[in-house]
Amino acid sequence: MAPVPYVEEQDRPELAELIATIKAQRGGRLLNLYKLLLHSPPVVEGWLHLMTAIRQRANLDARTRELVITQVAVINGADYEYRAHAPLALQAGVTQAQLDALGAWRDSDQFDGRDRAVLAYAESMTREIHVPSELFDAVAPHFDARELVELTTTIASYNMVSRFLEAMAIDPQT
């Protein structure tokens, strides 16, 4: 249970416009993540803007985006994030076998060379922060400059998301 109470829509009528924006951009629901972020309207506005750019306006393909998001969730033990993104990963073309193998992807035959480069890059960013040049050199040929920026931003941002979710013990939606 979250150590900070969730903001309930009916308790904060002054946030109605912001809540409507969140719901419009997030499938009509006010998720627990946003109920907590609403304690700081400027932070939730920035968060929403960044995450919408990553998920809806970037050129990075959805399969790669969701593969790295679910991998970050697995590495960081972020169940909320994993539960939210596993269905999106499946819709984007990641297989259930690949999702199941994320924890031991190096030992799995479920991933091709491109996936392996992406997973190594995301793992390095998540675990070590500094990415060795050989890992960057392995991932770079698969993407143009914009996509590399978007891939890196996606991994970095979802590390932020998982760390916030876990630090604040936000309850996954049922």
N, C-alpha and C. Protein backbone atom coordinates (compact mmCIF):
# COMPACT_ATOMS: atom_id res chain seq x y z
N MET A 1 0.84 -1.18 0.00
CA MET A 1 0.00 0.00 0.00
C MET A 1 0.88 1.25 0.00
N ALA A 2 0.50 2.19 -0.81
CA ALA A 2 1.27 3.42 -0.95
C ALA A 2 1.31 4.19 0.37
N PRO A 3 2.49 4.74 0.72
CA PRO A 3 2.63 5.49 1.97
C PRO A 3 2.00 6.89 1.91
N VAL A 4 1.64 7.32 0.72
CA VAL A 4 0.98 8.61 0.51
C VAL A 4 -0.40 8.28 -0.06
N PRO A 5 -1.46 8.91 0.44
CA PRO A 5 -2.80 8.56 -0.06
C PRO A 5 -2.98 8.95 -1.52
N TYR A 6 -3.77 8.16 -2.20
CA TYR A 6 -4.11 8.47 -3.58
C TYR A 6 -5.06 9.67 -3.61
N VAL A 7 -4.89 10.52 -4.61
CA VAL A 7 -5.81 11.63 -4.83
C VAL A 7 -7.03 11.05 -5.55
N GLU A 8 -8.18 11.21 -4.94
CA GLU A 8 -9.42 10.75 -5.57
C GLU A 8 -10.06 11.92 -6.31
N GLU A 9 -10.54 11.63 -7.47
CA GLU A 9 -11.06 12.66 -8.37
C GLU A 9 -12.09 13.56 -7.68
N GLN A 10 -13.02 12.99 -6.96
CA GLN A 10 -14.09 13.76 -6.34
C GLN A 10 -13.59 14.67 -5.21
N ASP A 11 -12.40 14.37 -4.67
CA ASP A 11 -11.87 15.17 -3.56
C ASP A 11 -11.09 16.40 -4.01
N ARG A 12 -10.78 16.50 -5.31
CA ARG A 12 -9.95 17.61 -5.80
C ARG A 12 -10.58 18.22 -7.06
N PRO A 13 -11.74 18.87 -6.92
CA PRO A 13 -12.41 19.43 -8.10
C PRO A 13 -11.55 20.44 -8.85
N GLU A 14 -10.61 21.09 -8.16
CA GLU A 14 -9.74 22.06 -8.84
C GLU A 14 -8.80 21.38 -9.84
N LEU A 15 -8.68 20.07 -9.76
CA LEU A 15 -7.83 19.32 -10.69
C LEU A 15 -8.62 18.67 -11.82
N ALA A 16 -9.90 19.02 -11.94
CA ALA A 16 -10.78 18.36 -12.91
C ALA A 16 -10.24 18.42 -14.34
N GLU A 17 -9.73 19.56 -14.74
CA GLU A 17 -9.22 19.70 -16.12
C GLU A 17 -7.98 18.82 -16.33
N LEU A 18 -7.08 18.82 -15.38
CA LEU A 18 -5.88 17.99 -15.47
C LEU A 18 -6.25 16.51 -15.45
N ILE A 19 -7.17 16.14 -14.59
CA ILE A 19 -7.61 14.74 -14.52
C ILE A 19 -8.27 14.33 -15.84
N ALA A 20 -9.05 15.20 -16.42
CA ALA A 20 -9.69 14.91 -17.72
C ALA A 20 -8.63 14.69 -18.80
N THR A 21 -7.57 15.48 -18.77
CA THR A 21 -6.47 15.32 -19.73
C THR A 21 -5.80 13.96 -19.54
N ILE A 22 -5.51 13.62 -18.29
CA ILE A 22 -4.88 12.33 -18.00
C ILE A 22 -5.76 11.19 -18.50
N LYS A 23 -7.04 11.24 -18.18
CA LYS A 23 -7.95 10.17 -18.59
C LYS A 23 -8.06 10.08 -20.12
N ALA A 24 -8.08 11.23 -20.78
CA ALA A 24 -8.17 11.24 -22.24
C ALA A 24 -6.95 10.60 -22.88
N GLN A 25 -5.78 10.80 -22.27
CA GLN A 25 -4.54 10.27 -22.83
C GLN A 25 -4.21 8.86 -22.34
N ARG A 26 -4.91 8.38 -21.34
CA ARG A 26 -4.58 7.09 -20.73
C ARG A 26 -5.78 6.15 -20.70
N GLY A 27 -6.53 6.13 -21.78
CA GLY A 27 -7.58 5.13 -21.95
C GLY A 27 -8.80 5.31 -21.06
N GLY A 28 -9.05 6.53 -20.60
CA GLY A 28 -10.25 6.79 -19.84
C GLY A 28 -10.19 6.48 -18.37
N ARG A 29 -9.03 5.99 -17.90
CA ARG A 29 -8.89 5.63 -16.49
C ARG A 29 -7.91 6.54 -15.79
N LEU A 30 -8.14 6.73 -14.50
CA LEU A 30 -7.19 7.45 -13.67
C LEU A 30 -6.46 6.40 -12.85
N LEU A 31 -5.30 5.99 -13.36
CA LEU A 31 -4.53 4.92 -12.73
C LEU A 31 -3.93 5.38 -11.40
N ASN A 32 -3.64 4.42 -10.54
CA ASN A 32 -3.05 4.72 -9.24
C ASN A 32 -1.76 5.54 -9.36
N LEU A 33 -0.96 5.28 -10.38
CA LEU A 33 0.25 6.06 -10.60
C LEU A 33 -0.09 7.55 -10.67
N TYR A 34 -1.10 7.88 -11.47
CA TYR A 34 -1.48 9.28 -11.64
C TYR A 34 -2.20 9.82 -10.40
N LYS A 35 -2.93 8.96 -9.69
CA LYS A 35 -3.57 9.39 -8.44
C LYS A 35 -2.53 9.84 -7.42
N LEU A 36 -1.37 9.25 -7.46
CA LEU A 36 -0.31 9.67 -6.54
C LEU A 36 0.43 10.89 -7.09
N LEU A 37 0.74 10.88 -8.38
CA LEU A 37 1.42 12.02 -8.98
C LEU A 37 0.61 13.31 -8.88
N LEU A 38 -0.72 13.19 -8.79
CA LEU A 38 -1.58 14.38 -8.71
C LEU A 38 -1.33 15.22 -7.47
N HIS A 39 -0.60 14.71 -6.51
CA HIS A 39 -0.22 15.54 -5.36
C HIS A 39 0.65 16.71 -5.82
N SER A 40 1.30 16.57 -6.97
CA SER A 40 2.10 17.66 -7.53
C SER A 40 1.67 17.91 -8.97
N PRO A 41 0.70 18.79 -9.19
CA PRO A 41 0.24 19.06 -10.55
C PRO A 41 1.35 19.38 -11.55
N PRO A 42 2.38 20.20 -11.19
CA PRO A 42 3.43 20.45 -12.18
C PRO A 42 4.21 19.18 -12.55
N VAL A 43 4.43 18.31 -11.58
CA VAL A 43 5.17 17.07 -11.88
C VAL A 43 4.32 16.16 -12.75
N VAL A 44 3.05 15.99 -12.43
CA VAL A 44 2.22 15.10 -13.24
C VAL A 44 2.07 15.63 -14.66
N GLU A 45 2.00 16.94 -14.82
CA GLU A 45 1.91 17.51 -16.17
C GLU A 45 3.17 17.20 -16.98
N GLY A 46 4.34 17.39 -16.37
CA GLY A 46 5.59 17.08 -17.06
C GLY A 46 5.72 15.60 -17.36
N TRP A 47 5.36 14.78 -16.40
CA TRP A 47 5.40 13.32 -16.56
C TRP A 47 4.52 12.90 -17.73
N LEU A 48 3.30 13.39 -17.73
CA LEU A 48 2.35 13.04 -18.78
C LEU A 48 2.86 13.46 -20.15
N HIS A 49 3.42 14.65 -20.22
CA HIS A 49 3.95 15.15 -21.49
C HIS A 49 5.09 14.28 -22.00
N LEU A 50 6.05 13.97 -21.12
CA LEU A 50 7.18 13.12 -21.51
C LEU A 50 6.74 11.73 -21.92
N MET A 51 5.91 11.09 -21.09
CA MET A 51 5.52 9.71 -21.37
C MET A 51 4.63 9.62 -22.61
N THR A 52 3.83 10.63 -22.86
CA THR A 52 3.01 10.65 -24.08
C THR A 52 3.91 10.78 -25.31
N ALA A 53 4.93 11.62 -25.22
CA ALA A 53 5.88 11.75 -26.34
C ALA A 53 6.55 10.41 -26.63
N ILE A 54 6.98 9.72 -25.59
CA ILE A 54 7.66 8.44 -25.76
C ILE A 54 6.72 7.39 -26.34
N ARG A 55 5.53 7.30 -25.81
CA ARG A 55 4.64 6.21 -26.19
C ARG A 55 3.82 6.49 -27.44
N GLN A 56 3.58 7.76 -27.76
CA GLN A 56 2.65 8.04 -28.85
C GLN A 56 3.20 8.90 -29.97
N ARG A 57 4.35 9.53 -29.75
CA ARG A 57 4.85 10.44 -30.77
C ARG A 57 6.23 10.08 -31.30
N ALA A 58 6.86 9.10 -30.71
CA ALA A 58 8.20 8.70 -31.13
C ALA A 58 8.15 7.82 -32.38
N ASN A 59 9.25 7.77 -33.09
CA ASN A 59 9.37 6.90 -34.27
C ASN A 59 9.82 5.49 -33.91
N LEU A 60 10.36 5.29 -32.71
CA LEU A 60 10.81 3.96 -32.29
C LEU A 60 9.63 3.00 -32.40
N ASP A 61 9.87 1.85 -32.99
CA ASP A 61 8.79 0.89 -33.20
C ASP A 61 8.25 0.39 -31.85
N ALA A 62 6.94 0.11 -31.85
CA ALA A 62 6.24 -0.28 -30.62
C ALA A 62 6.81 -1.57 -30.02
N ARG A 63 7.21 -2.52 -30.85
CA ARG A 63 7.73 -3.78 -30.33
C ARG A 63 9.01 -3.55 -29.53
N THR A 64 9.93 -2.78 -30.09
CA THR A 64 11.17 -2.49 -29.37
C THR A 64 10.88 -1.71 -28.09
N ARG A 65 10.02 -0.72 -28.20
CA ARG A 65 9.66 0.09 -27.02
C ARG A 65 9.11 -0.80 -25.90
N GLU A 66 8.18 -1.66 -26.22
CA GLU A 66 7.56 -2.49 -25.18
C GLU A 66 8.50 -3.60 -24.70
N LEU A 67 9.38 -4.07 -25.56
CA LEU A 67 10.38 -5.06 -25.14
C LEU A 67 11.28 -4.47 -24.06
N VAL A 68 11.78 -3.25 -24.28
CA VAL A 68 12.68 -2.66 -23.28
C VAL A 68 11.92 -2.22 -22.03
N ILE A 69 10.69 -1.77 -22.18
CA ILE A 69 9.92 -1.38 -20.99
C ILE A 69 9.69 -2.59 -20.10
N THR A 70 9.30 -3.71 -20.68
CA THR A 70 9.07 -4.91 -19.86
C THR A 70 10.38 -5.44 -19.29
N GLN A 71 11.46 -5.32 -20.05
CA GLN A 71 12.75 -5.76 -19.50
C GLN A 71 13.15 -4.90 -18.31
N VAL A 72 13.01 -3.60 -18.41
CA VAL A 72 13.31 -2.71 -17.28
C VAL A 72 12.46 -3.10 -16.08
N ALA A 73 11.19 -3.37 -16.31
CA ALA A 73 10.31 -3.78 -15.21
C ALA A 73 10.80 -5.07 -14.56
N VAL A 74 11.22 -6.03 -15.35
CA VAL A 74 11.73 -7.30 -14.80
C VAL A 74 13.00 -7.06 -14.00
N ILE A 75 13.94 -6.33 -14.56
CA ILE A 75 15.21 -6.07 -13.87
C ILE A 75 14.96 -5.35 -12.54
N ASN A 76 14.06 -4.37 -12.55
CA ASN A 76 13.82 -3.56 -11.36
C ASN A 76 12.78 -4.15 -10.42
N GLY A 77 12.20 -5.30 -10.78
CA GLY A 77 11.19 -5.91 -9.93
C GLY A 77 9.95 -5.04 -9.79
N ALA A 78 9.58 -4.36 -10.86
CA ALA A 78 8.45 -3.43 -10.86
C ALA A 78 7.22 -4.12 -11.43
N ASP A 79 6.48 -4.79 -10.55
CA ASP A 79 5.32 -5.57 -10.96
C ASP A 79 4.24 -4.71 -11.61
N TYR A 80 3.98 -3.54 -11.06
CA TYR A 80 2.97 -2.64 -11.63
C TYR A 80 3.31 -2.35 -13.10
N GLU A 81 4.56 -1.97 -13.32
CA GLU A 81 5.00 -1.62 -14.68
C GLU A 81 4.90 -2.82 -15.61
N TYR A 82 5.33 -3.99 -15.11
CA TYR A 82 5.26 -5.19 -15.93
C TYR A 82 3.81 -5.53 -16.29
N ARG A 83 2.95 -5.51 -15.30
CA ARG A 83 1.53 -5.83 -15.55
C ARG A 83 0.90 -4.86 -16.54
N ALA A 84 1.29 -3.61 -16.46
CA ALA A 84 0.73 -2.60 -17.37
C ALA A 84 1.23 -2.78 -18.80
N HIS A 85 2.49 -3.21 -18.95
CA HIS A 85 3.09 -3.23 -20.29
C HIS A 85 3.17 -4.60 -20.95
N ALA A 86 3.05 -5.68 -20.21
CA ALA A 86 3.08 -7.01 -20.84
C ALA A 86 1.98 -7.15 -21.90
N PRO A 87 0.74 -6.75 -21.63
CA PRO A 87 -0.28 -6.84 -22.68
C PRO A 87 0.05 -5.97 -23.89
N LEU A 88 0.62 -4.79 -23.65
CA LEU A 88 1.01 -3.91 -24.76
C LEU A 88 2.15 -4.53 -25.57
N ALA A 89 3.07 -5.19 -24.88
CA ALA A 89 4.18 -5.88 -25.57
C ALA A 89 3.63 -6.99 -26.46
N LEU A 90 2.69 -7.75 -25.96
CA LEU A 90 2.10 -8.83 -26.76
C LEU A 90 1.39 -8.26 -27.98
N GLN A 91 0.66 -7.17 -27.80
CA GLN A 91 -0.02 -6.52 -28.93
C GLN A 91 0.97 -6.01 -29.97
N ALA A 92 2.16 -5.62 -29.51
CA ALA A 92 3.18 -5.05 -30.41
C ALA A 92 4.03 -6.12 -31.09
N GLY A 93 3.83 -7.39 -30.74
CA GLY A 93 4.55 -8.46 -31.41
C GLY A 93 5.59 -9.19 -30.59
N VAL A 94 5.79 -8.81 -29.34
CA VAL A 94 6.64 -9.58 -28.44
C VAL A 94 5.84 -10.83 -28.10
N THR A 95 6.48 -11.99 -28.08
CA THR A 95 5.76 -13.22 -27.77
C THR A 95 5.74 -13.47 -26.26
N GLN A 96 4.81 -14.31 -25.83
CA GLN A 96 4.76 -14.69 -24.43
C GLN A 96 6.05 -15.39 -24.03
N ALA A 97 6.59 -16.22 -24.92
CA ALA A 97 7.85 -16.91 -24.64
C ALA A 97 8.98 -15.90 -24.42
N GLN A 98 8.98 -14.83 -25.19
CA GLN A 98 10.00 -13.79 -25.01
C GLN A 98 9.81 -13.07 -23.67
N LEU A 99 8.57 -12.74 -23.34
CA LEU A 99 8.32 -12.11 -22.04
C LEU A 99 8.79 -13.02 -20.90
N ASP A 100 8.48 -14.31 -21.03
CA ASP A 100 8.86 -15.27 -19.99
C ASP A 100 10.37 -15.41 -19.87
N ALA A 101 11.09 -15.15 -20.96
CA ALA A 101 12.55 -15.33 -20.98
C ALA A 101 13.33 -14.08 -20.60
N LEU A 102 12.67 -12.96 -20.37
CA LEU A 102 13.39 -11.71 -20.13
C LEU A 102 14.36 -11.79 -18.96
N GLY A 103 14.01 -12.50 -17.92
CA GLY A 103 14.89 -12.60 -16.76
C GLY A 103 16.19 -13.32 -17.03
N ALA A 104 16.19 -14.17 -18.04
CA ALA A 104 17.39 -14.93 -18.41
C ALA A 104 17.57 -14.87 -19.93
N TRP A 105 17.44 -13.70 -20.48
CA TRP A 105 17.44 -13.54 -21.94
C TRP A 105 18.74 -14.00 -22.59
N ARG A 106 19.86 -13.88 -21.89
CA ARG A 106 21.14 -14.29 -22.48
C ARG A 106 21.20 -15.79 -22.74
N ASP A 107 20.47 -16.56 -21.96
CA ASP A 107 20.45 -18.02 -22.10
C ASP A 107 19.30 -18.52 -22.97
N SER A 108 18.54 -17.61 -23.53
CA SER A 108 17.35 -17.97 -24.28
C SER A 108 17.61 -17.93 -25.78
N ASP A 109 16.90 -18.79 -26.50
CA ASP A 109 16.97 -18.77 -27.96
C ASP A 109 15.78 -18.01 -28.56
N GLN A 110 15.08 -17.25 -27.73
CA GLN A 110 13.88 -16.54 -28.16
C GLN A 110 14.16 -15.21 -28.85
N PHE A 111 15.41 -14.76 -28.82
CA PHE A 111 15.73 -13.41 -29.31
C PHE A 111 16.74 -13.45 -30.44
N ASP A 112 16.51 -12.62 -31.46
CA ASP A 112 17.46 -12.52 -32.57
C ASP A 112 18.57 -11.53 -32.21
N GLY A 113 19.48 -11.32 -33.15
CA GLY A 113 20.63 -10.45 -32.90
C GLY A 113 20.25 -9.02 -32.56
N ARG A 114 19.25 -8.49 -33.23
CA ARG A 114 18.79 -7.12 -32.95
C ARG A 114 18.23 -7.04 -31.54
N ASP A 115 17.37 -7.99 -31.19
CA ASP A 115 16.81 -8.02 -29.83
C ASP A 115 17.91 -8.11 -28.79
N ARG A 116 18.89 -8.96 -29.05
CA ARG A 116 19.98 -9.14 -28.09
C ARG A 116 20.78 -7.85 -27.88
N ALA A 117 21.01 -7.13 -28.97
CA ALA A 117 21.71 -5.85 -28.84
C ALA A 117 20.89 -4.86 -28.02
N VAL A 118 19.59 -4.80 -28.29
CA VAL A 118 18.69 -3.91 -27.56
C VAL A 118 18.62 -4.30 -26.09
N LEU A 119 18.48 -5.59 -25.82
CA LEU A 119 18.38 -6.05 -24.42
C LEU A 119 19.68 -5.81 -23.66
N ALA A 120 20.80 -6.01 -24.30
CA ALA A 120 22.09 -5.75 -23.65
C ALA A 120 22.24 -4.26 -23.33
N TYR A 121 21.84 -3.42 -24.27
CA TYR A 121 21.89 -1.97 -24.08
C TYR A 121 21.00 -1.54 -22.91
N ALA A 122 19.75 -2.02 -22.92
CA ALA A 122 18.81 -1.66 -21.85
C ALA A 122 19.28 -2.19 -20.50
N GLU A 123 19.81 -3.39 -20.48
CA GLU A 123 20.31 -3.96 -19.23
C GLU A 123 21.49 -3.15 -18.69
N SER A 124 22.38 -2.75 -19.56
CA SER A 124 23.53 -1.96 -19.14
C SER A 124 23.08 -0.60 -18.59
N MET A 125 22.17 0.06 -19.29
CA MET A 125 21.65 1.35 -18.82
C MET A 125 20.97 1.21 -17.46
N THR A 126 20.28 0.11 -17.26
CA THR A 126 19.51 -0.10 -16.03
C THR A 126 20.40 -0.50 -14.86
N ARG A 127 21.31 -1.41 -15.11
CA ARG A 127 22.14 -1.94 -14.02
C ARG A 127 23.40 -1.11 -13.76
N GLU A 128 24.09 -0.70 -14.81
CA GLU A 128 25.38 -0.01 -14.63
C GLU A 128 25.33 1.48 -14.93
N ILE A 129 24.31 1.93 -15.58
CA ILE A 129 24.11 3.31 -16.01
C ILE A 129 25.05 3.67 -17.17
N HIS A 130 26.34 3.48 -17.00
CA HIS A 130 27.30 3.75 -18.08
C HIS A 130 27.28 2.60 -19.07
N VAL A 131 27.18 2.95 -20.34
CA VAL A 131 27.10 1.93 -21.39
C VAL A 131 28.45 1.81 -22.07
N PRO A 132 29.06 0.61 -22.04
CA PRO A 132 30.33 0.44 -22.74
C PRO A 132 30.16 0.69 -24.25
N SER A 133 31.19 1.22 -24.86
CA SER A 133 31.10 1.57 -26.28
C SER A 133 30.76 0.37 -27.15
N GLU A 134 31.23 -0.82 -26.78
CA GLU A 134 30.91 -1.99 -27.61
C GLU A 134 29.42 -2.33 -27.59
N LEU A 135 28.72 -2.04 -26.49
CA LEU A 135 27.27 -2.27 -26.46
C LEU A 135 26.55 -1.23 -27.31
N PHE A 136 27.00 0.01 -27.22
CA PHE A 136 26.40 1.04 -28.07
C PHE A 136 26.68 0.73 -29.54
N ASP A 137 27.88 0.31 -29.84
CA ASP A 137 28.25 -0.02 -31.22
C ASP A 137 27.44 -1.19 -31.76
N ALA A 138 27.00 -2.09 -30.88
CA ALA A 138 26.19 -3.24 -31.32
C ALA A 138 24.74 -2.84 -31.60
N VAL A 139 24.21 -1.88 -30.84
CA VAL A 139 22.82 -1.48 -31.03
C VAL A 139 22.66 -0.42 -32.12
N ALA A 140 23.65 0.43 -32.29
CA ALA A 140 23.55 1.58 -33.19
C ALA A 140 23.19 1.24 -34.64
N PRO A 141 23.72 0.17 -35.24
CA PRO A 141 23.39 -0.09 -36.64
C PRO A 141 21.91 -0.40 -36.90
N HIS A 142 21.17 -0.70 -35.86
CA HIS A 142 19.77 -1.08 -36.01
C HIS A 142 18.80 0.11 -36.00
N PHE A 143 19.32 1.30 -35.74
CA PHE A 143 18.46 2.47 -35.56
C PHE A 143 19.11 3.71 -36.17
N ASP A 144 18.27 4.65 -36.58
CA ASP A 144 18.81 5.95 -36.99
C ASP A 144 19.01 6.80 -35.73
N ALA A 145 19.54 8.00 -35.90
CA ALA A 145 19.87 8.85 -34.75
C ALA A 145 18.65 9.17 -33.89
N ARG A 146 17.55 9.51 -34.53
CA ARG A 146 16.32 9.80 -33.77
C ARG A 146 15.89 8.59 -32.96
N GLU A 147 15.87 7.43 -33.59
CA GLU A 147 15.45 6.21 -32.89
C GLU A 147 16.39 5.86 -31.74
N LEU A 148 17.68 6.10 -31.91
CA LEU A 148 18.63 5.86 -30.81
C LEU A 148 18.33 6.76 -29.61
N VAL A 149 18.03 8.02 -29.90
CA VAL A 149 17.66 8.95 -28.82
C VAL A 149 16.36 8.47 -28.16
N GLU A 150 15.41 8.05 -28.95
CA GLU A 150 14.13 7.60 -28.41
C GLU A 150 14.27 6.28 -27.64
N LEU A 151 15.09 5.37 -28.13
CA LEU A 151 15.35 4.13 -27.40
C LEU A 151 15.97 4.43 -26.04
N THR A 152 16.98 5.28 -26.05
CA THR A 152 17.69 5.62 -24.82
C THR A 152 16.76 6.35 -23.84
N THR A 153 15.96 7.26 -24.36
CA THR A 153 15.01 7.99 -23.52
C THR A 153 13.94 7.06 -22.96
N THR A 154 13.49 6.11 -23.75
CA THR A 154 12.50 5.14 -23.27
C THR A 154 13.06 4.33 -22.11
N ILE A 155 14.26 3.82 -22.27
CA ILE A 155 14.88 3.02 -21.21
C ILE A 155 15.08 3.88 -19.96
N ALA A 156 15.61 5.07 -20.14
CA ALA A 156 15.85 5.96 -18.99
C ALA A 156 14.54 6.33 -18.31
N SER A 157 13.53 6.66 -19.08
CA SER A 157 12.26 7.09 -18.51
C SER A 157 11.55 5.97 -17.77
N TYR A 158 11.60 4.77 -18.32
CA TYR A 158 10.93 3.67 -17.64
C TYR A 158 11.72 3.17 -16.44
N ASN A 159 12.99 3.48 -16.37
CA ASN A 159 13.71 3.27 -15.12
C ASN A 159 13.18 4.26 -14.07
N MET A 160 12.94 5.49 -14.49
CA MET A 160 12.33 6.47 -13.58
C MET A 160 10.96 5.98 -13.11
N VAL A 161 10.14 5.52 -14.05
CA VAL A 161 8.80 5.05 -13.71
C VAL A 161 8.88 3.91 -12.70
N SER A 162 9.69 2.89 -12.99
CA SER A 162 9.75 1.74 -12.09
C SER A 162 10.27 2.13 -10.72
N ARG A 163 11.23 3.02 -10.68
CA ARG A 163 11.77 3.45 -9.38
C ARG A 163 10.73 4.24 -8.58
N PHE A 164 9.95 5.08 -9.25
CA PHE A 164 8.88 5.81 -8.57
C PHE A 164 7.81 4.85 -8.08
N LEU A 165 7.37 3.94 -8.93
CA LEU A 165 6.34 2.97 -8.55
C LEU A 165 6.75 2.16 -7.33
N GLU A 166 7.99 1.70 -7.34
CA GLU A 166 8.46 0.85 -6.25
C GLU A 166 8.74 1.64 -4.98
N ALA A 167 9.33 2.81 -5.11
CA ALA A 167 9.62 3.63 -3.91
C ALA A 167 8.32 4.05 -3.22
N MET A 168 7.29 4.32 -4.01
CA MET A 168 6.01 4.77 -3.45
C MET A 168 5.04 3.62 -3.22
N ALA A 169 5.47 2.39 -3.49
CA ALA A 169 4.65 1.19 -3.25
C ALA A 169 3.25 1.34 -3.83
N ILE A 170 3.18 1.78 -5.08
CA ILE A 170 1.90 1.99 -5.73
C ILE A 170 1.29 0.65 -6.09
N ASP A 171 0.01 0.51 -5.74
CA ASP A 171 -0.71 -0.74 -5.97
C ASP A 171 -1.05 -0.90 -7.45
N PRO A 172 -0.74 -2.08 -8.02
CA PRO A 172 -1.14 -2.33 -9.41
C PRO A 172 -2.66 -2.33 -9.54
N GLN A 173 -3.14 -1.93 -10.70
CA GLN A 173 -4.56 -1.97 -10.97
C GLN A 173 -5.01 -3.43 -11.09
N THR A 174 -6.25 -3.68 -10.74
CA THR A 174 -6.81 -5.04 -10.91
C THR A 174 -7.78 -5.07 -12.05
